[in-house]
Amino acid sequence: MSSESGQRLPMEELKRRNAPQNMIPQNCPSKEEWQELLHRLDELERHTAAHTALLREVSSRREPCLTQSQMEALARDVAGIQALLRQAGKKKEFSISPPSLGTAMSVMVWLALILLGTMVGMVVLQTVWSGLAALWNAVKILIP
């Protein structure tokens, strides 16, 4: 036999080098110990089965949880309520602010409608007045 360097080594040296390192003798359990281990394994299996059944039941009866958007909406509502409560304790303040563009436009539309209605009303009154004047002239001619 030869080693990596090309030398021949004796058989005892080769056996010593190839022998398993740190052979630890193993103690095999006795029959009673095997029975005890099997009993514990059965108990673990029963507990695992019970926990699995509970988890299945809980997952099947899952109640709807609030989503992130619902939580944010609730937080906004709570903040609004807190602001209202803080404001409720304060005195009423009198403030004047210029009207918004939408308010100004709606006021202008209403004023235009009122002006248009007034003009139509004046035309109607003028027509009625002219008709009454013509009727009076006709009556005046008939009465000597």
C-alpha atoms as a PDB file:
ATOM      1  CA  MET A   1       0.000   0.000   0.000  1.00  0.00           C
ATOM      2  CA  SER A   2       1.176   3.512  -0.686  1.00  0.00           C
ATOM      3  CA  SER A   3       0.267   6.925   0.640  1.00  0.00           C
ATOM      4  CA  GLU A   4      -0.077  10.199  -1.209  1.00  0.00           C
ATOM      5  CA  SER A   5       3.658  10.771  -1.130  1.00  0.00           C
ATOM      6  CA  GLY A   6       4.355   7.388  -2.730  1.00  0.00           C
ATOM      7  CA  GLN A   7       5.654   5.656   0.464  1.00  0.00           C
ATOM      8  CA  ARG A   8       4.555   2.227   1.568  1.00  0.00           C
ATOM      9  CA  LEU A   9       2.966   2.164   5.017  1.00  0.00           C
ATOM     10  CA  PRO A  10       2.503  -0.825   7.270  1.00  0.00           C
ATOM     11  CA  MET A  11      -0.969  -2.370   7.632  1.00  0.00           C
ATOM     12  CA  GLU A  12      -1.351  -1.257  11.285  1.00  0.00           C
ATOM     13  CA  GLU A  13      -0.713   2.357  10.326  1.00  0.00           C
ATOM     14  CA  LEU A  14      -3.336   2.155   7.577  1.00  0.00           C
ATOM     15  CA  LYS A  15      -5.877   0.636   9.988  1.00  0.00           C
ATOM     16  CA  ARG A  16      -5.154   3.351  12.520  1.00  0.00           C
ATOM     17  CA  ARG A  17      -5.647   6.091   9.920  1.00  0.00           C
ATOM     18  CA  ASN A  18      -8.867   4.573   8.560  1.00  0.00           C
ATOM     19  CA  ALA A  19     -10.390   3.800  11.948  1.00  0.00           C
ATOM     20  CA  PRO A  20     -13.454   5.929  12.808  1.00  0.00           C
ATOM     21  CA  GLN A  21     -12.593   8.848  15.045  1.00  0.00           C
ATOM     22  CA  ASN A  22     -14.135   9.220  18.501  1.00  0.00           C
ATOM     23  CA  MET A  23     -16.299   6.143  18.545  1.00  0.00           C
ATOM     24  CA  ILE A  24     -18.810   6.765  21.305  1.00  0.00           C
ATOM     25  CA  PRO A  25     -20.594   3.708  22.508  1.00  0.00           C
ATOM     26  CA  GLN A  26     -24.357   4.180  22.196  1.00  0.00           C
ATOM     27  CA  ASN A  27     -26.694   3.109  24.925  1.00  0.00           C
ATOM     28  CA  CYS A  28     -29.795   1.560  23.433  1.00  0.00           C
ATOM     29  CA  PRO A  29     -33.004   2.087  25.399  1.00  0.00           C
ATOM     30  CA  SER A  30     -34.507  -0.860  27.185  1.00  0.00           C
ATOM     31  CA  LYS A  31     -37.955  -2.292  26.389  1.00  0.00           C
ATOM     32  CA  GLU A  32     -39.565  -0.286  29.219  1.00  0.00           C
ATOM     33  CA  GLU A  33     -37.913   2.900  28.001  1.00  0.00           C
ATOM     34  CA  TRP A  34     -39.193   2.200  24.470  1.00  0.00           C
ATOM     35  CA  GLN A  35     -42.708   1.759  25.864  1.00  0.00           C
ATOM     36  CA  GLU A  36     -42.423   5.047  27.776  1.00  0.00           C
ATOM     37  CA  LEU A  37     -41.187   6.863  24.640  1.00  0.00           C
ATOM     38  CA  LEU A  38     -44.045   5.422  22.559  1.00  0.00           C
ATOM     39  CA  HIS A  39     -46.536   6.463  25.255  1.00  0.00           C
ATOM     40  CA  ARG A  40     -45.186  10.059  25.189  1.00  0.00           C
ATOM     41  CA  LEU A  41     -45.313  10.042  21.393  1.00  0.00           C
ATOM     42  CA  ASP A  42     -48.993   9.014  21.519  1.00  0.00           C
ATOM     43  CA  GLU A  43     -49.723  11.846  23.970  1.00  0.00           C
ATOM     44  CA  LEU A  44     -47.996  14.347  21.686  1.00  0.00           C
ATOM     45  CA  GLU A  45     -50.033  13.074  18.751  1.00  0.00           C
ATOM     46  CA  ARG A  46     -53.299  13.511  20.693  1.00  0.00           C
ATOM     47  CA  HIS A  47     -52.352  17.060  21.724  1.00  0.00           C
ATOM     48  CA  THR A  48     -51.376  17.923  18.167  1.00  0.00           C
ATOM     49  CA  ALA A  49     -54.666  16.543  16.834  1.00  0.00           C
ATOM     50  CA  ALA A  50     -56.622  18.572  19.423  1.00  0.00           C
ATOM     51  CA  HIS A  51     -54.746  21.764  18.528  1.00  0.00           C
ATOM     52  CA  THR A  52     -55.247  21.133  14.811  1.00  0.00           C
ATOM     53  CA  ALA A  53     -58.992  20.683  15.359  1.00  0.00           C
ATOM     54  CA  LEU A  54     -59.151  23.943  17.341  1.00  0.00           C
ATOM     55  CA  LEU A  55     -57.250  25.818  14.660  1.00  0.00           C
ATOM     56  CA  ARG A  56     -59.572  24.505  11.955  1.00  0.00           C
ATOM     57  CA  GLU A  57     -62.617  25.537  13.974  1.00  0.00           C
ATOM     58  CA  VAL A  58     -61.240  29.025  14.597  1.00  0.00           C
ATOM     59  CA  SER A  59     -60.296  29.514  10.956  1.00  0.00           C
ATOM     60  CA  SER A  60     -63.743  28.381   9.773  1.00  0.00           C
ATOM     61  CA  ARG A  61     -65.544  30.709  12.247  1.00  0.00           C
ATOM     62  CA  ARG A  62     -63.381  33.668  11.430  1.00  0.00           C
ATOM     63  CA  GLU A  63     -65.280  36.892  12.021  1.00  0.00           C
ATOM     64  CA  PRO A  64     -64.646  39.707   9.591  1.00  0.00           C
ATOM     65  CA  CYS A  65     -61.734  41.812  10.782  1.00  0.00           C
ATOM     66  CA  LEU A  66     -61.438  45.485  10.053  1.00  0.00           C
ATOM     67  CA  THR A  67     -59.282  46.322   7.097  1.00  0.00           C
ATOM     68  CA  GLN A  68     -56.627  49.008   7.121  1.00  0.00           C
ATOM     69  CA  SER A  69     -58.862  51.444   5.221  1.00  0.00           C
ATOM     70  CA  GLN A  70     -61.720  50.895   7.680  1.00  0.00           C
ATOM     71  CA  MET A  71     -59.344  51.505  10.581  1.00  0.00           C
ATOM     72  CA  GLU A  72     -58.156  54.748   8.964  1.00  0.00           C
ATOM     73  CA  ALA A  73     -61.761  55.853   8.385  1.00  0.00           C
ATOM     74  CA  LEU A  74     -62.597  55.163  12.027  1.00  0.00           C
ATOM     75  CA  ALA A  75     -59.519  57.110  13.135  1.00  0.00           C
ATOM     76  CA  ARG A  76     -60.610  60.084  10.989  1.00  0.00           C
ATOM     77  CA  ASP A  77     -64.130  59.911  12.457  1.00  0.00           C
ATOM     78  CA  VAL A  78     -62.757  59.838  15.992  1.00  0.00           C
ATOM     79  CA  ALA A  79     -60.501  62.828  15.236  1.00  0.00           C
ATOM     80  CA  GLY A  80     -63.508  64.713  13.844  1.00  0.00           C
ATOM     81  CA  ILE A  81     -65.587  63.947  16.915  1.00  0.00           C
ATOM     82  CA  GLN A  82     -62.748  65.086  19.188  1.00  0.00           C
ATOM     83  CA  ALA A  83     -62.470  68.349  17.230  1.00  0.00           C
ATOM     84  CA  LEU A  84     -66.217  68.911  17.575  1.00  0.00           C
ATOM     85  CA  LEU A  85     -66.023  68.259  21.311  1.00  0.00           C
ATOM     86  CA  ARG A  86     -63.163  70.738  21.671  1.00  0.00           C
ATOM     87  CA  GLN A  87     -65.078  73.329  19.652  1.00  0.00           C
ATOM     88  CA  ALA A  88     -68.272  72.776  21.655  1.00  0.00           C
ATOM     89  CA  GLY A  89     -66.558  74.131  24.758  1.00  0.00           C
ATOM     90  CA  LYS A  90     -65.474  77.358  23.044  1.00  0.00           C
ATOM     91  CA  LYS A  91     -67.594  80.493  22.663  1.00  0.00           C
ATOM     92  CA  LYS A  92     -69.249  81.080  19.336  1.00  0.00           C
ATOM     93  CA  GLU A  93     -67.089  83.304  17.217  1.00  0.00           C
ATOM     94  CA  PHE A  94     -68.473  85.796  14.758  1.00  0.00           C
ATOM     95  CA  SER A  95     -66.576  85.685  11.528  1.00  0.00           C
ATOM     96  CA  ILE A  96     -67.175  87.266   8.178  1.00  0.00           C
ATOM     97  CA  SER A  97     -65.569  85.759   5.150  1.00  0.00           C
ATOM     98  CA  PRO A  98     -65.964  86.741   1.517  1.00  0.00           C
ATOM     99  CA  PRO A  99     -68.312  84.512  -0.437  1.00  0.00           C
ATOM    100  CA  SER A 100     -66.849  81.750  -2.492  1.00  0.00           C
ATOM    101  CA  LEU A 101     -66.896  81.882  -6.265  1.00  0.00           C
ATOM    102  CA  GLY A 102     -69.779  79.392  -6.402  1.00  0.00           C
ATOM    103  CA  THR A 103     -71.850  81.514  -4.019  1.00  0.00           C
ATOM    104  CA  ALA A 104     -71.103  84.701  -5.972  1.00  0.00           C
ATOM    105  CA  MET A 105     -72.059  83.043  -9.239  1.00  0.00           C
ATOM    106  CA  SER A 106     -75.331  81.732  -7.828  1.00  0.00           C
ATOM    107  CA  VAL A 107     -76.196  85.206  -6.467  1.00  0.00           C
ATOM    108  CA  MET A 108     -75.462  86.741  -9.871  1.00  0.00           C
ATOM    109  CA  VAL A 109     -77.644  84.139 -11.593  1.00  0.00           C
ATOM    110  CA  TRP A 110     -80.518  84.893  -9.218  1.00  0.00           C
ATOM    111  CA  LEU A 111     -80.127  88.639  -9.764  1.00  0.00           C
ATOM    112  CA  ALA A 112     -80.168  88.109 -13.532  1.00  0.00           C
ATOM    113  CA  LEU A 113     -83.325  85.998 -13.253  1.00  0.00           C
ATOM    114  CA  ILE A 114     -85.010  88.637 -11.091  1.00  0.00           C
ATOM    115  CA  LEU A 115     -84.063  91.379 -13.580  1.00  0.00           C
ATOM    116  CA  LEU A 116     -85.341  89.279 -16.496  1.00  0.00           C
ATOM    117  CA  GLY A 117     -88.602  88.570 -14.638  1.00  0.00           C
ATOM    118  CA  THR A 118     -89.028  92.265 -13.878  1.00  0.00           C
ATOM    119  CA  MET A 119     -88.519  93.170 -17.523  1.00  0.00           C
ATOM    120  CA  VAL A 120     -91.053  90.578 -18.674  1.00  0.00           C
ATOM    121  CA  GLY A 121     -93.488  91.838 -16.059  1.00  0.00           C
ATOM    122  CA  MET A 122     -93.053  95.418 -17.284  1.00  0.00           C
ATOM    123  CA  VAL A 123     -93.714  94.365 -20.887  1.00  0.00           C
ATOM    124  CA  VAL A 124     -96.870  92.569 -19.771  1.00  0.00           C
ATOM    125  CA  LEU A 125     -98.022  95.606 -17.762  1.00  0.00           C
ATOM    126  CA  GLN A 126     -97.285  97.914 -20.727  1.00  0.00           C
ATOM    127  CA  THR A 127     -99.325  95.636 -22.998  1.00  0.00           C
ATOM    128  CA  VAL A 128    -102.224  95.529 -20.549  1.00  0.00           C
ATOM    129  CA  TRP A 129    -102.088  99.345 -20.091  1.00  0.00           C
ATOM    130  CA  SER A 130    -102.067  99.925 -23.843  1.00  0.00           C
ATOM    131  CA  GLY A 131    -104.995  97.550 -24.251  1.00  0.00           C
ATOM    132  CA  LEU A 132    -106.939  99.371 -21.532  1.00  0.00           C
ATOM    133  CA  ALA A 133    -106.141 102.739 -23.165  1.00  0.00           C
ATOM    134  CA  ALA A 134    -107.419 101.480 -26.541  1.00  0.00           C
ATOM    135  CA  LEU A 135    -110.551 100.132 -24.877  1.00  0.00           C
ATOM    136  CA  TRP A 136    -111.133 103.479 -23.147  1.00  0.00           C
ATOM    137  CA  ASN A 137    -110.784 105.347 -26.425  1.00  0.00           C
ATOM    138  CA  ALA A 138    -113.331 102.978 -28.016  1.00  0.00           C
ATOM    139  CA  VAL A 139    -115.729 103.455 -25.105  1.00  0.00           C
ATOM    140  CA  LYS A 140    -115.241 107.221 -25.246  1.00  0.00           C
ATOM    141  CA  ILE A 141    -116.231 107.287 -28.896  1.00  0.00           C
ATOM    142  CA  LEU A 142    -119.396 105.236 -28.211  1.00  0.00           C
ATOM    143  CA  ILE A 143    -120.499 107.447 -25.367  1.00  0.00           C
ATOM    144  CA  PRO A 144    -121.636 110.919 -26.673  1.00  0.00           C
END
